Amino acid sequence: MSIAEPSQNQEPTIGILLAGGRATRMGGGDKALQPLGGIPLLARVIAILRPQCDALVISANGKAARFAEFRLPIVADEIEDYAGPLAGILAGLDFLAARQPPAAFAVSVSSDTPFLPADLVARLHAARAAAGAHIACARSGGAIHPVIALWPLGIRPALRAALAENLRKVDRFLSRYAVAYADWPAAPVDPFFNINTPDDLAAAERILGAAGERNDIMP
């Protein structure tokens, strides 16, 4: 797996690994810990994103000890009852704001997307800067991936207010802002392929097999 080094001109950025879902279509449990090629999905995402960010944080609810092997900070949603990825993004941004000095941006990614691009963060920054937009999202084959996005730290108050209004959909929140898009092809493999079901996991195993990938990623 090719991993790109972050650009020297890139704004300091923290990666938010969203692992707080209930994985109902996978039969429950922690989807992020499901093995793909013998390696947890979350470990694969960490391996891709770590070189692209200044720091990483796992956004997850419940007992933090189950993610201890990854040796990363764990932040839980401030809002109860599994308010969805927007709550996880806010939790990550709050972590970012507490750092000294705080970084200006965070990139959010799903923990069930094991084929993320090695240039994800750099291209999101470039798209946002070129368009003069508030937020940048990933897009592949014309399909928008709202959860795979670059967020400015200053959006925290608006995000908190939206959650207080019971707004839970990322795309609805994004509709309030100028959004730029960074584009990737969806073939031969969509880099934002996400694993929601056992069939998806089986398809991902076939993708790995076809690529002949070595399974030597470590968290």
N, C-alpha and C. Protein backbone atom coordinates (compact mmCIF):
# COMPACT_ATOMS: atom_id res chain seq x y z
N MET A 1 0.85 -1.19 0.00
CA MET A 1 0.00 0.00 0.00
C MET A 1 0.88 1.23 0.00
N SER A 2 0.70 2.10 -0.98
CA SER A 2 1.50 3.31 -1.08
C SER A 2 0.97 4.37 -0.13
N ILE A 3 1.84 4.98 0.67
CA ILE A 3 1.44 6.01 1.62
C ILE A 3 2.19 7.29 1.27
N ALA A 4 1.44 8.38 1.08
CA ALA A 4 2.05 9.65 0.73
C ALA A 4 2.42 10.42 1.99
N GLU A 5 3.50 11.18 1.92
CA GLU A 5 3.87 12.07 3.01
C GLU A 5 3.04 13.35 2.91
N PRO A 6 2.64 13.95 4.05
CA PRO A 6 1.89 15.19 3.98
C PRO A 6 2.72 16.31 3.36
N SER A 7 2.03 17.19 2.64
CA SER A 7 2.71 18.31 2.01
C SER A 7 3.25 19.26 3.07
N GLN A 8 4.44 19.81 2.83
CA GLN A 8 5.02 20.77 3.77
C GLN A 8 4.19 22.05 3.82
N ASN A 9 3.40 22.31 2.77
CA ASN A 9 2.59 23.52 2.72
C ASN A 9 1.19 23.30 3.28
N GLN A 10 0.88 22.10 3.72
CA GLN A 10 -0.44 21.77 4.21
C GLN A 10 -0.68 22.35 5.60
N GLU A 11 -1.87 22.89 5.82
CA GLU A 11 -2.24 23.38 7.14
C GLU A 11 -2.24 22.22 8.14
N PRO A 12 -1.85 22.46 9.40
CA PRO A 12 -1.92 21.40 10.41
C PRO A 12 -3.33 20.80 10.47
N THR A 13 -3.39 19.49 10.44
CA THR A 13 -4.67 18.79 10.32
C THR A 13 -4.69 17.57 11.22
N ILE A 14 -5.79 17.39 11.94
CA ILE A 14 -5.99 16.21 12.77
C ILE A 14 -7.00 15.28 12.09
N GLY A 15 -6.74 13.99 12.12
CA GLY A 15 -7.65 13.02 11.54
C GLY A 15 -8.62 12.48 12.59
N ILE A 16 -9.90 12.51 12.27
CA ILE A 16 -10.95 11.97 13.14
C ILE A 16 -11.42 10.65 12.55
N LEU A 17 -11.15 9.56 13.25
CA LEU A 17 -11.53 8.23 12.79
C LEU A 17 -12.88 7.89 13.43
N LEU A 18 -13.92 7.88 12.63
CA LEU A 18 -15.28 7.67 13.14
C LEU A 18 -15.54 6.19 13.34
N ALA A 19 -15.66 5.79 14.59
CA ALA A 19 -15.86 4.38 14.92
C ALA A 19 -17.00 4.21 15.92
N GLY A 20 -17.96 5.14 15.89
CA GLY A 20 -19.01 5.14 16.90
C GLY A 20 -20.32 4.53 16.48
N GLY A 21 -20.40 3.98 15.26
CA GLY A 21 -21.65 3.40 14.79
C GLY A 21 -21.99 2.09 15.47
N ARG A 22 -23.26 1.70 15.34
CA ARG A 22 -23.72 0.46 15.99
C ARG A 22 -23.64 -0.76 15.09
N ALA A 23 -23.29 -0.57 13.83
CA ALA A 23 -23.04 -1.69 12.89
C ALA A 23 -24.20 -2.67 12.84
N THR A 24 -25.42 -2.16 12.76
CA THR A 24 -26.59 -3.05 12.78
C THR A 24 -26.62 -3.97 11.57
N ARG A 25 -26.15 -3.48 10.41
CA ARG A 25 -26.17 -4.32 9.21
C ARG A 25 -25.07 -5.37 9.22
N MET A 26 -24.10 -5.22 10.15
CA MET A 26 -23.07 -6.24 10.31
C MET A 26 -23.41 -7.19 11.45
N GLY A 27 -24.58 -7.01 12.05
CA GLY A 27 -24.98 -7.86 13.16
C GLY A 27 -24.57 -7.33 14.52
N GLY A 28 -24.18 -6.04 14.57
CA GLY A 28 -23.79 -5.43 15.84
C GLY A 28 -22.30 -5.57 16.11
N GLY A 29 -21.87 -5.07 17.26
CA GLY A 29 -20.46 -5.11 17.62
C GLY A 29 -19.70 -3.95 17.01
N ASP A 30 -18.39 -4.03 17.06
CA ASP A 30 -17.53 -2.97 16.54
C ASP A 30 -17.11 -3.30 15.11
N LYS A 31 -17.73 -2.62 14.17
CA LYS A 31 -17.37 -2.85 12.77
C LYS A 31 -15.91 -2.51 12.53
N ALA A 32 -15.42 -1.47 13.21
CA ALA A 32 -14.04 -1.04 13.00
C ALA A 32 -13.02 -2.12 13.34
N LEU A 33 -13.42 -3.08 14.18
CA LEU A 33 -12.50 -4.14 14.59
C LEU A 33 -12.66 -5.41 13.76
N GLN A 34 -13.56 -5.39 12.79
CA GLN A 34 -13.71 -6.54 11.90
C GLN A 34 -12.42 -6.74 11.11
N PRO A 35 -11.95 -7.98 11.00
CA PRO A 35 -10.70 -8.21 10.25
C PRO A 35 -10.93 -8.22 8.74
N LEU A 36 -10.02 -7.61 8.03
CA LEU A 36 -9.98 -7.67 6.57
C LEU A 36 -8.57 -8.13 6.21
N GLY A 37 -8.47 -9.29 5.61
CA GLY A 37 -7.15 -9.85 5.36
C GLY A 37 -6.39 -10.10 6.65
N GLY A 38 -7.12 -10.40 7.72
CA GLY A 38 -6.50 -10.67 9.01
C GLY A 38 -6.12 -9.43 9.81
N ILE A 39 -6.47 -8.26 9.34
CA ILE A 39 -6.09 -6.99 9.99
C ILE A 39 -7.35 -6.19 10.25
N PRO A 40 -7.54 -5.62 11.43
CA PRO A 40 -8.75 -4.83 11.70
C PRO A 40 -8.91 -3.69 10.71
N LEU A 41 -10.15 -3.43 10.32
CA LEU A 41 -10.43 -2.32 9.41
C LEU A 41 -9.81 -1.02 9.93
N LEU A 42 -9.95 -0.78 11.22
CA LEU A 42 -9.43 0.46 11.79
C LEU A 42 -7.92 0.57 11.63
N ALA A 43 -7.21 -0.55 11.76
CA ALA A 43 -5.76 -0.52 11.58
C ALA A 43 -5.39 -0.13 10.17
N ARG A 44 -6.17 -0.59 9.21
CA ARG A 44 -5.90 -0.23 7.81
C ARG A 44 -6.11 1.27 7.57
N VAL A 45 -7.19 1.81 8.15
CA VAL A 45 -7.46 3.24 7.99
C VAL A 45 -6.37 4.07 8.67
N ILE A 46 -5.95 3.66 9.85
CA ILE A 46 -4.88 4.36 10.56
C ILE A 46 -3.60 4.37 9.73
N ALA A 47 -3.25 3.24 9.15
CA ALA A 47 -2.02 3.15 8.37
C ALA A 47 -2.02 4.11 7.18
N ILE A 48 -3.18 4.32 6.58
CA ILE A 48 -3.28 5.23 5.45
C ILE A 48 -3.27 6.69 5.90
N LEU A 49 -3.98 6.97 6.98
CA LEU A 49 -4.20 8.37 7.36
C LEU A 49 -3.07 8.94 8.21
N ARG A 50 -2.38 8.09 8.99
CA ARG A 50 -1.38 8.61 9.91
C ARG A 50 -0.31 9.49 9.23
N PRO A 51 0.24 9.09 8.08
CA PRO A 51 1.26 9.94 7.46
C PRO A 51 0.71 11.24 6.90
N GLN A 52 -0.60 11.33 6.76
CA GLN A 52 -1.22 12.51 6.15
C GLN A 52 -1.63 13.57 7.17
N CYS A 53 -1.61 13.23 8.46
CA CYS A 53 -2.14 14.11 9.50
C CYS A 53 -1.08 14.38 10.57
N ASP A 54 -1.29 15.45 11.32
CA ASP A 54 -0.40 15.78 12.43
C ASP A 54 -0.71 14.97 13.67
N ALA A 55 -1.94 14.48 13.78
CA ALA A 55 -2.35 13.63 14.89
C ALA A 55 -3.64 12.93 14.49
N LEU A 56 -3.96 11.85 15.19
CA LEU A 56 -5.20 11.11 14.96
C LEU A 56 -5.95 10.96 16.26
N VAL A 57 -7.28 10.88 16.16
CA VAL A 57 -8.13 10.61 17.31
C VAL A 57 -9.25 9.68 16.86
N ILE A 58 -9.62 8.75 17.73
CA ILE A 58 -10.71 7.84 17.45
C ILE A 58 -11.97 8.38 18.11
N SER A 59 -13.01 8.57 17.33
CA SER A 59 -14.30 9.00 17.86
C SER A 59 -15.17 7.77 18.03
N ALA A 60 -15.44 7.40 19.28
CA ALA A 60 -16.19 6.18 19.57
C ALA A 60 -16.87 6.28 20.92
N ASN A 61 -18.01 5.63 21.03
CA ASN A 61 -18.73 5.59 22.29
C ASN A 61 -18.50 4.25 22.99
N GLY A 62 -18.89 4.16 24.24
CA GLY A 62 -18.70 2.92 24.98
C GLY A 62 -17.33 2.83 25.62
N LYS A 63 -16.91 1.62 25.94
CA LYS A 63 -15.65 1.41 26.65
C LYS A 63 -14.46 1.66 25.74
N ALA A 64 -13.64 2.61 26.14
CA ALA A 64 -12.48 2.98 25.33
C ALA A 64 -11.43 1.87 25.29
N ALA A 65 -11.43 0.98 26.27
CA ALA A 65 -10.38 -0.04 26.36
C ALA A 65 -10.34 -0.96 25.15
N ARG A 66 -11.45 -1.10 24.47
CA ARG A 66 -11.45 -2.02 23.33
C ARG A 66 -10.61 -1.51 22.17
N PHE A 67 -10.23 -0.23 22.19
CA PHE A 67 -9.36 0.34 21.16
C PHE A 67 -7.95 0.59 21.68
N ALA A 68 -7.62 0.04 22.83
CA ALA A 68 -6.34 0.35 23.47
C ALA A 68 -5.15 -0.02 22.60
N GLU A 69 -5.25 -1.08 21.81
CA GLU A 69 -4.11 -1.53 21.02
C GLU A 69 -3.65 -0.50 19.99
N PHE A 70 -4.53 0.45 19.66
CA PHE A 70 -4.19 1.43 18.63
C PHE A 70 -3.44 2.64 19.19
N ARG A 71 -3.40 2.76 20.52
CA ARG A 71 -2.60 3.79 21.20
C ARG A 71 -2.91 5.20 20.68
N LEU A 72 -4.19 5.48 20.56
CA LEU A 72 -4.65 6.80 20.14
C LEU A 72 -5.67 7.34 21.14
N PRO A 73 -5.81 8.66 21.23
CA PRO A 73 -6.86 9.22 22.10
C PRO A 73 -8.24 8.77 21.62
N ILE A 74 -9.13 8.54 22.57
CA ILE A 74 -10.52 8.15 22.28
C ILE A 74 -11.42 9.26 22.79
N VAL A 75 -12.31 9.75 21.94
CA VAL A 75 -13.27 10.76 22.37
C VAL A 75 -14.68 10.23 22.13
N ALA A 76 -15.56 10.47 23.08
CA ALA A 76 -16.95 10.02 22.99
C ALA A 76 -17.86 11.19 22.64
N ASP A 77 -19.01 10.88 22.07
CA ASP A 77 -19.99 11.91 21.74
C ASP A 77 -20.46 12.63 23.00
N GLU A 78 -20.59 13.92 22.89
CA GLU A 78 -21.20 14.69 23.98
C GLU A 78 -22.70 14.44 24.03
N ILE A 79 -23.29 14.17 22.86
CA ILE A 79 -24.72 13.93 22.74
C ILE A 79 -24.97 12.45 22.85
N GLU A 80 -25.95 12.05 23.63
CA GLU A 80 -26.24 10.64 23.86
C GLU A 80 -27.11 10.06 22.74
N ASP A 81 -27.34 8.75 22.84
CA ASP A 81 -28.26 8.03 21.94
C ASP A 81 -27.75 7.95 20.51
N TYR A 82 -26.44 7.83 20.33
CA TYR A 82 -25.88 7.60 19.01
C TYR A 82 -26.43 8.61 18.00
N ALA A 83 -26.01 9.84 18.15
CA ALA A 83 -26.51 10.93 17.30
C ALA A 83 -25.93 10.92 15.91
N GLY A 84 -25.08 9.96 15.60
CA GLY A 84 -24.57 9.82 14.24
C GLY A 84 -23.22 10.47 14.02
N PRO A 85 -22.77 10.46 12.76
CA PRO A 85 -21.40 10.94 12.48
C PRO A 85 -21.18 12.42 12.79
N LEU A 86 -22.22 13.26 12.69
CA LEU A 86 -22.02 14.67 13.02
C LEU A 86 -21.58 14.83 14.47
N ALA A 87 -22.17 14.04 15.37
CA ALA A 87 -21.76 14.10 16.78
C ALA A 87 -20.33 13.63 16.95
N GLY A 88 -19.94 12.61 16.20
CA GLY A 88 -18.57 12.14 16.26
C GLY A 88 -17.58 13.16 15.72
N ILE A 89 -17.98 13.85 14.66
CA ILE A 89 -17.12 14.90 14.10
C ILE A 89 -16.96 16.04 15.11
N LEU A 90 -18.05 16.43 15.76
CA LEU A 90 -17.97 17.48 16.77
C LEU A 90 -17.06 17.06 17.92
N ALA A 91 -17.16 15.82 18.36
CA ALA A 91 -16.29 15.33 19.44
C ALA A 91 -14.83 15.43 19.03
N GLY A 92 -14.53 15.09 17.78
CA GLY A 92 -13.17 15.20 17.30
C GLY A 92 -12.70 16.64 17.20
N LEU A 93 -13.58 17.53 16.75
CA LEU A 93 -13.22 18.95 16.67
C LEU A 93 -13.00 19.55 18.06
N ASP A 94 -13.78 19.09 19.04
CA ASP A 94 -13.57 19.56 20.42
C ASP A 94 -12.21 19.12 20.93
N PHE A 95 -11.81 17.91 20.58
CA PHE A 95 -10.47 17.43 20.94
C PHE A 95 -9.41 18.31 20.29
N LEU A 96 -9.64 18.64 19.02
CA LEU A 96 -8.71 19.49 18.29
C LEU A 96 -8.58 20.84 18.97
N ALA A 97 -9.71 21.42 19.39
CA ALA A 97 -9.71 22.75 20.01
C ALA A 97 -8.97 22.77 21.34
N ALA A 98 -8.94 21.62 22.03
CA ALA A 98 -8.29 21.56 23.34
C ALA A 98 -6.77 21.44 23.24
N ARG A 99 -6.26 21.15 22.05
CA ARG A 99 -4.81 21.03 21.89
C ARG A 99 -4.16 22.41 21.90
N GLN A 100 -2.93 22.45 22.32
CA GLN A 100 -2.18 23.72 22.38
C GLN A 100 -0.88 23.59 21.59
N PRO A 101 -0.72 24.33 20.49
CA PRO A 101 -1.76 25.17 19.89
C PRO A 101 -2.74 24.29 19.11
N PRO A 102 -3.99 24.73 18.98
CA PRO A 102 -4.95 23.92 18.23
C PRO A 102 -4.64 23.94 16.74
N ALA A 103 -4.89 22.84 16.07
CA ALA A 103 -4.79 22.82 14.61
C ALA A 103 -6.00 23.54 14.04
N ALA A 104 -5.89 23.98 12.80
CA ALA A 104 -6.97 24.75 12.18
C ALA A 104 -8.01 23.86 11.52
N PHE A 105 -7.62 22.61 11.20
CA PHE A 105 -8.51 21.75 10.42
C PHE A 105 -8.51 20.32 10.97
N ALA A 106 -9.60 19.63 10.65
CA ALA A 106 -9.68 18.19 10.90
C ALA A 106 -10.27 17.52 9.67
N VAL A 107 -9.82 16.31 9.40
CA VAL A 107 -10.42 15.53 8.34
C VAL A 107 -11.11 14.34 8.99
N SER A 108 -12.36 14.12 8.63
CA SER A 108 -13.12 12.99 9.17
C SER A 108 -13.16 11.87 8.15
N VAL A 109 -13.01 10.64 8.63
CA VAL A 109 -13.10 9.47 7.76
C VAL A 109 -13.85 8.37 8.51
N SER A 110 -14.53 7.55 7.76
CA SER A 110 -15.19 6.37 8.33
C SER A 110 -14.14 5.30 8.61
N SER A 111 -14.34 4.56 9.67
CA SER A 111 -13.38 3.50 10.00
C SER A 111 -13.64 2.22 9.20
N ASP A 112 -14.64 2.26 8.31
CA ASP A 112 -14.94 1.09 7.48
C ASP A 112 -14.59 1.31 6.02
N THR A 113 -13.64 2.24 5.77
CA THR A 113 -13.22 2.53 4.39
C THR A 113 -11.73 2.18 4.24
N PRO A 114 -11.41 0.92 3.99
CA PRO A 114 -10.01 0.48 4.05
C PRO A 114 -9.17 0.81 2.84
N PHE A 115 -9.76 1.44 1.80
CA PHE A 115 -8.99 1.71 0.59
C PHE A 115 -8.83 3.22 0.34
N LEU A 116 -8.83 4.00 1.40
CA LEU A 116 -8.71 5.45 1.27
C LEU A 116 -7.47 5.86 0.48
N PRO A 117 -7.54 6.99 -0.25
CA PRO A 117 -6.38 7.44 -1.03
C PRO A 117 -5.25 7.93 -0.13
N ALA A 118 -4.04 7.74 -0.58
CA ALA A 118 -2.87 8.20 0.16
C ALA A 118 -2.68 9.71 0.06
N ASP A 119 -3.41 10.36 -0.85
CA ASP A 119 -3.33 11.81 -1.00
C ASP A 119 -4.63 12.49 -0.59
N LEU A 120 -5.43 11.83 0.22
CA LEU A 120 -6.74 12.34 0.60
C LEU A 120 -6.68 13.73 1.21
N VAL A 121 -5.89 13.90 2.24
CA VAL A 121 -5.88 15.17 2.99
C VAL A 121 -5.35 16.30 2.12
N ALA A 122 -4.27 16.05 1.40
CA ALA A 122 -3.69 17.10 0.56
C ALA A 122 -4.67 17.56 -0.51
N ARG A 123 -5.40 16.62 -1.11
CA ARG A 123 -6.32 16.99 -2.17
C ARG A 123 -7.56 17.68 -1.62
N LEU A 124 -8.01 17.31 -0.43
CA LEU A 124 -9.14 18.03 0.18
C LEU A 124 -8.73 19.47 0.48
N HIS A 125 -7.54 19.66 1.02
CA HIS A 125 -7.06 21.02 1.27
C HIS A 125 -6.98 21.82 -0.03
N ALA A 126 -6.45 21.20 -1.07
CA ALA A 126 -6.30 21.90 -2.34
C ALA A 126 -7.66 22.30 -2.92
N ALA A 127 -8.64 21.39 -2.83
CA ALA A 127 -9.96 21.69 -3.35
C ALA A 127 -10.62 22.83 -2.58
N ARG A 128 -10.48 22.78 -1.26
CA ARG A 128 -11.08 23.84 -0.43
C ARG A 128 -10.45 25.20 -0.75
N ALA A 129 -9.14 25.24 -0.84
CA ALA A 129 -8.45 26.49 -1.10
C ALA A 129 -8.79 27.04 -2.48
N ALA A 130 -8.84 26.16 -3.49
CA ALA A 130 -9.11 26.61 -4.85
C ALA A 130 -10.51 27.19 -4.99
N ALA A 131 -11.47 26.62 -4.26
CA ALA A 131 -12.85 27.08 -4.37
C ALA A 131 -13.20 28.17 -3.36
N GLY A 132 -12.32 28.43 -2.40
CA GLY A 132 -12.63 29.38 -1.35
C GLY A 132 -13.82 28.93 -0.53
N ALA A 133 -13.95 27.62 -0.33
CA ALA A 133 -15.12 27.04 0.35
C ALA A 133 -14.86 26.87 1.84
N HIS A 134 -15.94 26.62 2.59
CA HIS A 134 -15.82 26.36 4.01
C HIS A 134 -15.31 24.94 4.27
N ILE A 135 -15.85 24.00 3.51
CA ILE A 135 -15.62 22.57 3.76
C ILE A 135 -15.26 21.92 2.43
N ALA A 136 -14.49 20.85 2.48
CA ALA A 136 -14.22 20.06 1.28
C ALA A 136 -14.60 18.61 1.53
N CYS A 137 -15.25 18.00 0.53
CA CYS A 137 -15.67 16.60 0.63
C CYS A 137 -15.05 15.78 -0.49
N ALA A 138 -14.97 14.49 -0.25
CA ALA A 138 -14.49 13.56 -1.27
C ALA A 138 -15.64 13.17 -2.19
N ARG A 139 -15.28 12.92 -3.45
CA ARG A 139 -16.26 12.47 -4.43
C ARG A 139 -15.58 11.48 -5.36
N SER A 140 -16.26 10.38 -5.66
CA SER A 140 -15.69 9.38 -6.57
C SER A 140 -16.75 8.94 -7.56
N GLY A 141 -16.40 8.97 -8.84
CA GLY A 141 -17.35 8.59 -9.86
C GLY A 141 -18.63 9.40 -9.81
N GLY A 142 -18.53 10.63 -9.36
CA GLY A 142 -19.71 11.51 -9.25
C GLY A 142 -20.49 11.34 -7.97
N ALA A 143 -20.17 10.36 -7.14
CA ALA A 143 -20.87 10.12 -5.87
C ALA A 143 -20.17 10.87 -4.74
N ILE A 144 -20.92 11.65 -3.99
CA ILE A 144 -20.37 12.43 -2.89
C ILE A 144 -20.31 11.57 -1.62
N HIS A 145 -19.23 11.74 -0.86
CA HIS A 145 -19.06 11.02 0.40
C HIS A 145 -18.99 12.06 1.52
N PRO A 146 -20.14 12.47 2.06
CA PRO A 146 -20.16 13.60 3.01
C PRO A 146 -19.33 13.38 4.27
N VAL A 147 -19.20 12.14 4.71
CA VAL A 147 -18.46 11.88 5.96
C VAL A 147 -16.96 12.01 5.75
N ILE A 148 -16.50 11.83 4.50
CA ILE A 148 -15.07 11.97 4.19
C ILE A 148 -14.85 13.44 3.84
N ALA A 149 -14.49 14.23 4.84
CA ALA A 149 -14.52 15.68 4.64
C ALA A 149 -13.46 16.39 5.47
N LEU A 150 -13.13 17.60 5.02
CA LEU A 150 -12.19 18.48 5.71
C LEU A 150 -13.00 19.60 6.37
N TRP A 151 -12.81 19.76 7.68
CA TRP A 151 -13.60 20.70 8.47
C TRP A 151 -12.71 21.75 9.12
N PRO A 152 -13.13 23.03 9.08
CA PRO A 152 -12.39 24.05 9.82
C PRO A 152 -12.79 24.04 11.29
N LEU A 153 -11.85 24.32 12.15
CA LEU A 153 -12.13 24.33 13.59
C LEU A 153 -13.26 25.30 13.92
N GLY A 154 -13.35 26.41 13.20
CA GLY A 154 -14.34 27.43 13.51
C GLY A 154 -15.77 27.03 13.30
N ILE A 155 -16.01 25.84 12.74
CA ILE A 155 -17.38 25.42 12.48
C ILE A 155 -18.03 24.77 13.70
N ARG A 156 -17.27 24.61 14.78
CA ARG A 156 -17.80 23.93 15.98
C ARG A 156 -19.10 24.52 16.50
N PRO A 157 -19.23 25.84 16.72
CA PRO A 157 -20.49 26.36 17.26
C PRO A 157 -21.70 26.05 16.39
N ALA A 158 -21.54 26.18 15.06
CA ALA A 158 -22.65 25.90 14.17
C ALA A 158 -23.01 24.42 14.18
N LEU A 159 -22.01 23.57 14.27
CA LEU A 159 -22.26 22.13 14.33
C LEU A 159 -22.96 21.75 15.62
N ARG A 160 -22.54 22.36 16.72
CA ARG A 160 -23.19 22.08 18.01
C ARG A 160 -24.65 22.55 17.99
N ALA A 161 -24.90 23.72 17.39
CA ALA A 161 -26.26 24.23 17.30
C ALA A 161 -27.13 23.34 16.42
N ALA A 162 -26.58 22.85 15.33
CA ALA A 162 -27.34 21.97 14.44
C ALA A 162 -27.73 20.68 15.14
N LEU A 163 -26.82 20.12 15.92
CA LEU A 163 -27.14 18.91 16.66
C LEU A 163 -28.21 19.18 17.72
N ALA A 164 -28.19 20.37 18.31
CA ALA A 164 -29.22 20.74 19.28
C ALA A 164 -30.59 20.85 18.61
N GLU A 165 -30.59 21.14 17.30
CA GLU A 165 -31.83 21.20 16.52
C GLU A 165 -32.28 19.81 16.08
N ASN A 166 -31.53 18.79 16.48
CA ASN A 166 -31.78 17.41 16.11
C ASN A 166 -31.48 17.14 14.63
N LEU A 167 -30.61 17.95 14.04
CA LEU A 167 -30.14 17.69 12.68
C LEU A 167 -29.05 16.63 12.77
N ARG A 168 -29.26 15.51 12.10
CA ARG A 168 -28.33 14.38 12.24
C ARG A 168 -27.65 14.00 10.92
N LYS A 169 -28.15 14.47 9.81
CA LYS A 169 -27.61 14.06 8.51
C LYS A 169 -26.47 14.98 8.09
N VAL A 170 -25.34 14.40 7.75
CA VAL A 170 -24.19 15.19 7.36
C VAL A 170 -24.49 16.01 6.11
N ASP A 171 -25.16 15.41 5.12
CA ASP A 171 -25.41 16.15 3.89
C ASP A 171 -26.34 17.33 4.12
N ARG A 172 -27.28 17.22 5.04
CA ARG A 172 -28.16 18.35 5.35
C ARG A 172 -27.37 19.49 6.00
N PHE A 173 -26.44 19.14 6.86
CA PHE A 173 -25.61 20.18 7.46
C PHE A 173 -24.74 20.84 6.40
N LEU A 174 -24.17 20.05 5.51
CA LEU A 174 -23.30 20.60 4.47
C LEU A 174 -24.06 21.53 3.54
N SER A 175 -25.36 21.31 3.36
CA SER A 175 -26.14 22.15 2.45
C SER A 175 -26.20 23.61 2.91
N ARG A 176 -25.80 23.88 4.15
CA ARG A 176 -25.80 25.24 4.67
C ARG A 176 -24.52 26.00 4.33
N TYR A 177 -23.56 25.33 3.70
CA TYR A 177 -22.23 25.91 3.51
C TYR A 177 -21.77 25.76 2.07
N ALA A 178 -20.77 26.59 1.74
CA ALA A 178 -20.07 26.40 0.47
C ALA A 178 -19.15 25.19 0.62
N VAL A 179 -19.33 24.21 -0.25
CA VAL A 179 -18.57 22.96 -0.17
C VAL A 179 -17.80 22.75 -1.47
N ALA A 180 -16.53 22.43 -1.34
CA ALA A 180 -15.71 22.06 -2.49
C ALA A 180 -15.59 20.54 -2.55
N TYR A 181 -15.27 20.02 -3.73
CA TYR A 181 -15.17 18.58 -3.90
C TYR A 181 -13.83 18.21 -4.52
N ALA A 182 -13.22 17.19 -3.95
CA ALA A 182 -12.02 16.58 -4.52
C ALA A 182 -12.45 15.27 -5.17
N ASP A 183 -12.10 15.08 -6.42
CA ASP A 183 -12.61 13.95 -7.20
C ASP A 183 -11.58 12.84 -7.41
N TRP A 184 -12.08 11.61 -7.33
CA TRP A 184 -11.30 10.41 -7.65
C TRP A 184 -12.13 9.53 -8.57
N PRO A 185 -11.49 8.71 -9.38
CA PRO A 185 -12.26 7.72 -10.16
C PRO A 185 -12.79 6.61 -9.24
N ALA A 186 -13.88 6.01 -9.64
CA ALA A 186 -14.47 4.92 -8.85
C ALA A 186 -14.05 3.55 -9.37
N ALA A 187 -13.22 3.51 -10.40
CA ALA A 187 -12.76 2.25 -10.97
C ALA A 187 -11.23 2.31 -11.13
N PRO A 188 -10.55 1.16 -11.05
CA PRO A 188 -11.13 -0.18 -10.89
C PRO A 188 -11.66 -0.46 -9.48
N VAL A 189 -11.19 0.30 -8.48
CA VAL A 189 -11.71 0.15 -7.11
C VAL A 189 -12.06 1.53 -6.59
N ASP A 190 -13.25 1.66 -6.06
CA ASP A 190 -13.65 2.93 -5.46
C ASP A 190 -12.84 3.13 -4.18
N PRO A 191 -12.05 4.21 -4.07
CA PRO A 191 -11.23 4.40 -2.86
C PRO A 191 -12.07 4.66 -1.61
N PHE A 192 -13.37 4.93 -1.81
CA PHE A 192 -14.24 5.19 -0.67
C PHE A 192 -15.27 4.07 -0.46
N PHE A 193 -14.93 2.91 -1.02
CA PHE A 193 -15.74 1.71 -0.76
C PHE A 193 -15.84 1.50 0.74
N ASN A 194 -17.08 1.43 1.25
CA ASN A 194 -17.23 1.24 2.70
C ASN A 194 -17.95 -0.06 2.98
N ILE A 195 -17.63 -0.61 4.12
CA ILE A 195 -18.10 -1.96 4.48
C ILE A 195 -19.23 -1.84 5.49
N ASN A 196 -20.43 -2.17 5.03
CA ASN A 196 -21.61 -2.10 5.90
C ASN A 196 -22.20 -3.46 6.23
N THR A 197 -21.95 -4.45 5.38
CA THR A 197 -22.59 -5.76 5.51
C THR A 197 -21.53 -6.85 5.37
N PRO A 198 -21.87 -8.09 5.78
CA PRO A 198 -20.94 -9.19 5.54
C PRO A 198 -20.60 -9.38 4.06
N ASP A 199 -21.55 -9.10 3.18
CA ASP A 199 -21.26 -9.21 1.74
C ASP A 199 -20.23 -8.17 1.32
N ASP A 200 -20.31 -6.96 1.88
CA ASP A 200 -19.31 -5.94 1.58
C ASP A 200 -17.93 -6.39 2.04
N LEU A 201 -17.87 -7.01 3.21
CA LEU A 201 -16.59 -7.48 3.74
C LEU A 201 -16.01 -8.56 2.82
N ALA A 202 -16.87 -9.43 2.34
CA ALA A 202 -16.41 -10.47 1.41
C ALA A 202 -15.90 -9.84 0.11
N ALA A 203 -16.59 -8.80 -0.36
CA ALA A 203 -16.14 -8.12 -1.58
C ALA A 203 -14.78 -7.46 -1.35
N ALA A 204 -14.57 -6.88 -0.18
CA ALA A 204 -13.28 -6.26 0.13
C ALA A 204 -12.17 -7.30 0.18
N GLU A 205 -12.47 -8.48 0.68
CA GLU A 205 -11.47 -9.57 0.68
C GLU A 205 -11.09 -9.93 -0.75
N ARG A 206 -12.06 -9.93 -1.64
CA ARG A 206 -11.76 -10.24 -3.04
C ARG A 206 -10.89 -9.15 -3.66
N ILE A 207 -11.17 -7.90 -3.31
CA ILE A 207 -10.35 -6.79 -3.81
C ILE A 207 -8.90 -6.94 -3.36
N LEU A 208 -8.72 -7.27 -2.08
CA LEU A 208 -7.37 -7.48 -1.56
C LEU A 208 -6.68 -8.63 -2.28
N GLY A 209 -7.43 -9.69 -2.49
CA GLY A 209 -6.86 -10.85 -3.16
C GLY A 209 -6.43 -10.53 -4.58
N ALA A 210 -7.25 -9.75 -5.29
CA ALA A 210 -6.93 -9.39 -6.66
C ALA A 210 -5.71 -8.48 -6.72
N ALA A 211 -5.55 -7.65 -5.69
CA ALA A 211 -4.41 -6.74 -5.66
C ALA A 211 -3.14 -7.43 -5.19
N GLY A 212 -3.28 -8.63 -4.60
CA GLY A 212 -2.12 -9.34 -4.06
C GLY A 212 -1.46 -8.58 -2.94
N GLU A 213 -2.25 -7.84 -2.15
CA GLU A 213 -1.68 -7.00 -1.10
C GLU A 213 -1.08 -7.83 0.02
N ARG A 214 0.07 -7.38 0.51
CA ARG A 214 0.66 -7.98 1.70
C ARG A 214 -0.11 -7.48 2.92
N ASN A 215 -0.37 -8.37 3.84
CA ASN A 215 -1.12 -8.02 5.03
C ASN A 215 -0.19 -7.77 6.20
N ASP A 216 0.65 -6.72 6.07
CA ASP A 216 1.63 -6.46 7.11
C ASP A 216 1.44 -5.08 7.75
N ILE A 217 0.22 -4.56 7.64
CA ILE A 217 -0.08 -3.26 8.25
C ILE A 217 -0.16 -3.43 9.76
N MET A 218 0.45 -2.51 10.46
CA MET A 218 0.37 -2.51 11.92
C MET A 218 -0.25 -1.21 12.37
N PRO A 219 -1.05 -1.23 13.47
CA PRO A 219 -1.64 0.02 13.97
C PRO A 219 -0.56 0.96 14.49
